[in-house]
C-alpha atoms as a PDB file:
ATOM      1  CA  MET A   1     -65.174  72.330   9.472  1.00  0.00           C
ATOM      2  CA  VAL A   2     -64.580  73.261  13.048  1.00  0.00           C
ATOM      3  CA  ASN A   3     -67.217  73.234  15.656  1.00  0.00           C
ATOM      4  CA  PRO A   4     -67.838  75.652  17.025  1.00  0.00           C
ATOM      5  CA  ASP A   5     -66.891  77.731  13.982  1.00  0.00           C
ATOM      6  CA  PRO A   6     -65.585  81.173  15.043  1.00  0.00           C
ATOM      7  CA  TYR A   7     -65.975  82.363  11.356  1.00  0.00           C
ATOM      8  CA  GLU A   8     -69.775  81.576  11.380  1.00  0.00           C
ATOM      9  CA  PRO A   9     -70.712  85.227  11.960  1.00  0.00           C
ATOM     10  CA  PHE A  10     -68.904  86.114   8.637  1.00  0.00           C
ATOM     11  CA  ARG A  11     -71.028  83.733   6.549  1.00  0.00           C
ATOM     12  CA  LEU A  12     -68.138  81.949   5.004  1.00  0.00           C
ATOM     13  CA  ALA A  13     -66.776  78.480   4.887  1.00  0.00           C
ATOM     14  CA  GLN A  14     -63.356  77.788   6.475  1.00  0.00           C
ATOM     15  CA  GLY A  15     -62.631  75.524   3.586  1.00  0.00           C
ATOM     16  CA  TYR A  16     -63.787  73.165   0.905  1.00  0.00           C
ATOM     17  CA  ARG A  17     -62.431  69.894  -0.469  1.00  0.00           C
ATOM     18  CA  VAL A  18     -62.232  69.711  -4.280  1.00  0.00           C
ATOM     19  CA  GLY A  19     -60.933  66.253  -5.299  1.00  0.00           C
ATOM     20  CA  GLU A  20     -57.759  65.650  -3.450  1.00  0.00           C
ATOM     21  CA  LEU A  21     -57.173  69.328  -2.633  1.00  0.00           C
ATOM     22  CA  LEU A  22     -58.418  71.323   0.466  1.00  0.00           C
ATOM     23  CA  PHE A  23     -58.978  75.154  -0.078  1.00  0.00           C
ATOM     24  CA  ILE A  24     -58.712  76.972   3.127  1.00  0.00           C
ATOM     25  CA  SER A  25     -60.165  80.480   3.652  1.00  0.00           C
ATOM     26  CA  GLY A  26     -58.013  83.168   5.030  1.00  0.00           C
ATOM     27  CA  GLN A  27     -57.210  82.458   8.673  1.00  0.00           C
ATOM     28  CA  ALA A  28     -56.946  85.512  11.019  1.00  0.00           C
ATOM     29  CA  ALA A  29     -55.755  85.910  14.554  1.00  0.00           C
ATOM     30  CA  ILE A  30     -58.980  85.185  16.224  1.00  0.00           C
ATOM     31  CA  ASP A  31     -59.777  82.908  19.142  1.00  0.00           C
ATOM     32  CA  ALA A  32     -62.573  80.474  19.529  1.00  0.00           C
ATOM     33  CA  ASN A  33     -65.063  83.232  20.327  1.00  0.00           C
ATOM     34  CA  GLY A  34     -64.140  85.183  17.199  1.00  0.00           C
ATOM     35  CA  GLN A  35     -62.194  87.873  19.065  1.00  0.00           C
ATOM     36  CA  ILE A  36     -58.828  89.128  17.685  1.00  0.00           C
ATOM     37  CA  VAL A  37     -55.861  87.911  19.692  1.00  0.00           C
ATOM     38  CA  GLY A  38     -52.811  90.172  20.392  1.00  0.00           C
ATOM     39  CA  VAL A  39     -54.054  93.591  19.110  1.00  0.00           C
ATOM     40  CA  GLY A  40     -51.065  95.558  18.236  1.00  0.00           C
ATOM     41  CA  ASP A  41     -48.712  92.493  18.649  1.00  0.00           C
ATOM     42  CA  PHE A  42     -47.778  91.023  15.256  1.00  0.00           C
ATOM     43  CA  ASP A  43     -45.925  88.101  16.913  1.00  0.00           C
ATOM     44  CA  ARG A  44     -48.995  86.976  18.871  1.00  0.00           C
ATOM     45  CA  GLN A  45     -51.298  87.449  15.859  1.00  0.00           C
ATOM     46  CA  ALA A  46     -48.952  85.465  13.679  1.00  0.00           C
ATOM     47  CA  GLU A  47     -48.895  82.563  16.080  1.00  0.00           C
ATOM     48  CA  GLN A  48     -52.610  82.465  16.416  1.00  0.00           C
ATOM     49  CA  VAL A  49     -53.039  82.500  12.622  1.00  0.00           C
ATOM     50  CA  PHE A  50     -50.736  79.579  12.224  1.00  0.00           C
ATOM     51  CA  ARG A  51     -52.495  77.662  15.125  1.00  0.00           C
ATOM     52  CA  ASN A  52     -55.839  78.461  13.408  1.00  0.00           C
ATOM     53  CA  LEU A  53     -54.484  77.266  10.036  1.00  0.00           C
ATOM     54  CA  ASP A  54     -53.269  73.974  11.702  1.00  0.00           C
ATOM     55  CA  ARG A  55     -56.551  73.376  13.383  1.00  0.00           C
ATOM     56  CA  VAL A  56     -58.731  73.858  10.262  1.00  0.00           C
ATOM     57  CA  LEU A  57     -56.366  71.739   8.015  1.00  0.00           C
ATOM     58  CA  ARG A  58     -56.564  68.906  10.514  1.00  0.00           C
ATOM     59  CA  ALA A  59     -60.388  69.334  10.600  1.00  0.00           C
ATOM     60  CA  GLY A  60     -60.418  68.947   6.881  1.00  0.00           C
ATOM     61  CA  GLY A  61     -58.292  65.855   6.725  1.00  0.00           C
ATOM     62  CA  SER A  62     -54.884  67.381   5.983  1.00  0.00           C
ATOM     63  CA  SER A  63     -52.068  69.032   7.838  1.00  0.00           C
ATOM     64  CA  LEU A  64     -49.427  71.793   7.656  1.00  0.00           C
ATOM     65  CA  ALA A  65     -47.074  69.211   6.105  1.00  0.00           C
ATOM     66  CA  LYS A  66     -49.482  68.846   3.154  1.00  0.00           C
ATOM     67  CA  VAL A  67     -49.773  72.551   2.289  1.00  0.00           C
ATOM     68  CA  VAL A  68     -48.833  73.235  -1.295  1.00  0.00           C
ATOM     69  CA  LYS A  69     -49.639  76.976  -1.556  1.00  0.00           C
ATOM     70  CA  VAL A  70     -50.153  79.784   0.865  1.00  0.00           C
ATOM     71  CA  THR A  71     -50.974  83.462   0.275  1.00  0.00           C
ATOM     72  CA  ILE A  72     -50.068  85.686   3.277  1.00  0.00           C
ATOM     73  CA  PHE A  73     -51.513  89.130   3.725  1.00  0.00           C
ATOM     74  CA  LEU A  74     -49.606  91.551   5.854  1.00  0.00           C
ATOM     75  CA  THR A  75     -50.655  95.031   6.829  1.00  0.00           C
ATOM     76  CA  ASP A  76     -46.849  95.866   7.159  1.00  0.00           C
ATOM     77  CA  ILE A  77     -44.376  94.271   4.887  1.00  0.00           C
ATOM     78  CA  SER A  78     -41.567  95.021   7.480  1.00  0.00           C
ATOM     79  CA  ASN A  79     -42.731  91.749   9.240  1.00  0.00           C
ATOM     80  CA  PHE A  80     -41.553  89.768   6.137  1.00  0.00           C
ATOM     81  CA  ASP A  81     -38.435  88.504   8.058  1.00  0.00           C
ATOM     82  CA  LYS A  82     -40.670  87.188  10.775  1.00  0.00           C
ATOM     83  CA  ILE A  83     -42.780  85.460   8.345  1.00  0.00           C
ATOM     84  CA  VAL A  84     -39.759  83.608   6.875  1.00  0.00           C
ATOM     85  CA  GLU A  85     -38.860  82.579  10.491  1.00  0.00           C
ATOM     86  CA  LEU A  86     -42.466  81.310  11.091  1.00  0.00           C
ATOM     87  CA  ARG A  87     -42.537  79.455   7.871  1.00  0.00           C
ATOM     88  CA  GLY A  88     -39.450  77.486   9.031  1.00  0.00           C
ATOM     89  CA  ARG A  89     -41.217  76.581  12.340  1.00  0.00           C
ATOM     90  CA  TRP A  90     -44.631  75.662  11.018  1.00  0.00           C
ATOM     91  CA  PHE A  91     -43.792  74.091   7.695  1.00  0.00           C
ATOM     92  CA  THR A  92     -41.258  71.563   6.600  1.00  0.00           C
ATOM     93  CA  ALA A  93     -39.281  71.025   3.394  1.00  0.00           C
ATOM     94  CA  PRO A  94     -40.172  71.045   0.729  1.00  0.00           C
ATOM     95  CA  TYR A  95     -41.916  74.313   1.675  1.00  0.00           C
ATOM     96  CA  PRO A  96     -45.159  75.443   0.133  1.00  0.00           C
ATOM     97  CA  ALA A  97     -45.331  77.828  -2.807  1.00  0.00           C
ATOM     98  CA  ASP A  98     -45.900  81.258  -1.337  1.00  0.00           C
ATOM     99  CA  THR A  99     -47.221  84.779  -2.200  1.00  0.00           C
ATOM    100  CA  ILE A 100     -46.813  87.421   0.414  1.00  0.00           C
ATOM    101  CA  VAL A 101     -48.770  90.747  -0.213  1.00  0.00           C
ATOM    102  CA  GLU A 102     -48.793  93.888   1.795  1.00  0.00           C
ATOM    103  CA  VAL A 103     -52.413  95.270   2.055  1.00  0.00           C
ATOM    104  CA  ARG A 104     -53.820  98.532   3.426  1.00  0.00           C
ATOM    105  CA  SER A 105     -56.115  96.632   5.847  1.00  0.00           C
ATOM    106  CA  LEU A 106     -57.781  93.385   6.597  1.00  0.00           C
ATOM    107  CA  TYR A 107     -61.300  92.512   7.737  1.00  0.00           C
ATOM    108  CA  SER A 108     -60.625  94.553  10.978  1.00  0.00           C
ATOM    109  CA  PRO A 109     -58.410  97.449  11.575  1.00  0.00           C
ATOM    110  CA  ASP A 110     -56.862  95.419  14.408  1.00  0.00           C
ATOM    111  CA  ALA A 111     -55.964  92.567  12.112  1.00  0.00           C
ATOM    112  CA  MET A 112     -52.278  92.483  11.061  1.00  0.00           C
ATOM    113  CA  ILE A 113     -52.009  89.158   9.157  1.00  0.00           C
ATOM    114  CA  GLU A 114     -54.194  86.618   7.412  1.00  0.00           C
ATOM    115  CA  ILE A 115     -53.197  83.341   5.611  1.00  0.00           C
ATOM    116  CA  GLU A 116     -55.151  81.333   3.097  1.00  0.00           C
ATOM    117  CA  ALA A 117     -53.975  77.966   1.968  1.00  0.00           C
ATOM    118  CA  VAL A 118     -54.170  75.007  -0.516  1.00  0.00           C
ATOM    119  CA  ALA A 119     -53.300  71.548   0.902  1.00  0.00           C
ATOM    120  CA  VAL A 120     -53.553  67.934  -0.218  1.00  0.00           C
ATOM    121  CA  VAL A 121     -55.910  65.842   1.566  1.00  0.00           C
ATOM    122  CA  ASP A 122     -54.211  63.136   3.782  1.00  0.00           C
ATOM    123  CA  ALA A 123     -55.355  59.894   2.037  1.00  0.00           C
ATOM    124  CA  ALA A 124     -54.406  57.920   5.131  1.00  0.00           C
ATOM    125  CA  ALA A 125     -57.057  59.827   7.336  1.00  0.00           C
ATOM    126  CA  GLU A 126     -59.733  59.007   4.835  1.00  0.00           C
ATOM    127  CA  ARG A 127     -59.237  55.213   5.350  1.00  0.00           C
ATOM    128  CA  GLU A 128     -59.742  55.450   9.107  1.00  0.00           C
END
């Protein structure tokens, strides 16, 4: 969906469209070169994750405003309040359905957050 695709080395698709829904793979705090941003800094990682999510949604013909469900994986649930704040900045009402899970680790020991999403495809973008 995004070119160049920083997830290509991991042999996965960033997302798939099925009907009018877009299923987005977990977005991590990686830059365009596939490197983790903000090692040890949850705030920087979370910002990067939301930017990555926004980018891949747009590439798939949707947007953050069209997200209906997210699953947020945290390596430290004490960051829950920060997630609530970020949801208020990046999403708009009605807010997406949400599951937040604390996990022991993510794909890298330096990764602190990952978000996967389901969104409705923007029908207007298809007509262009």
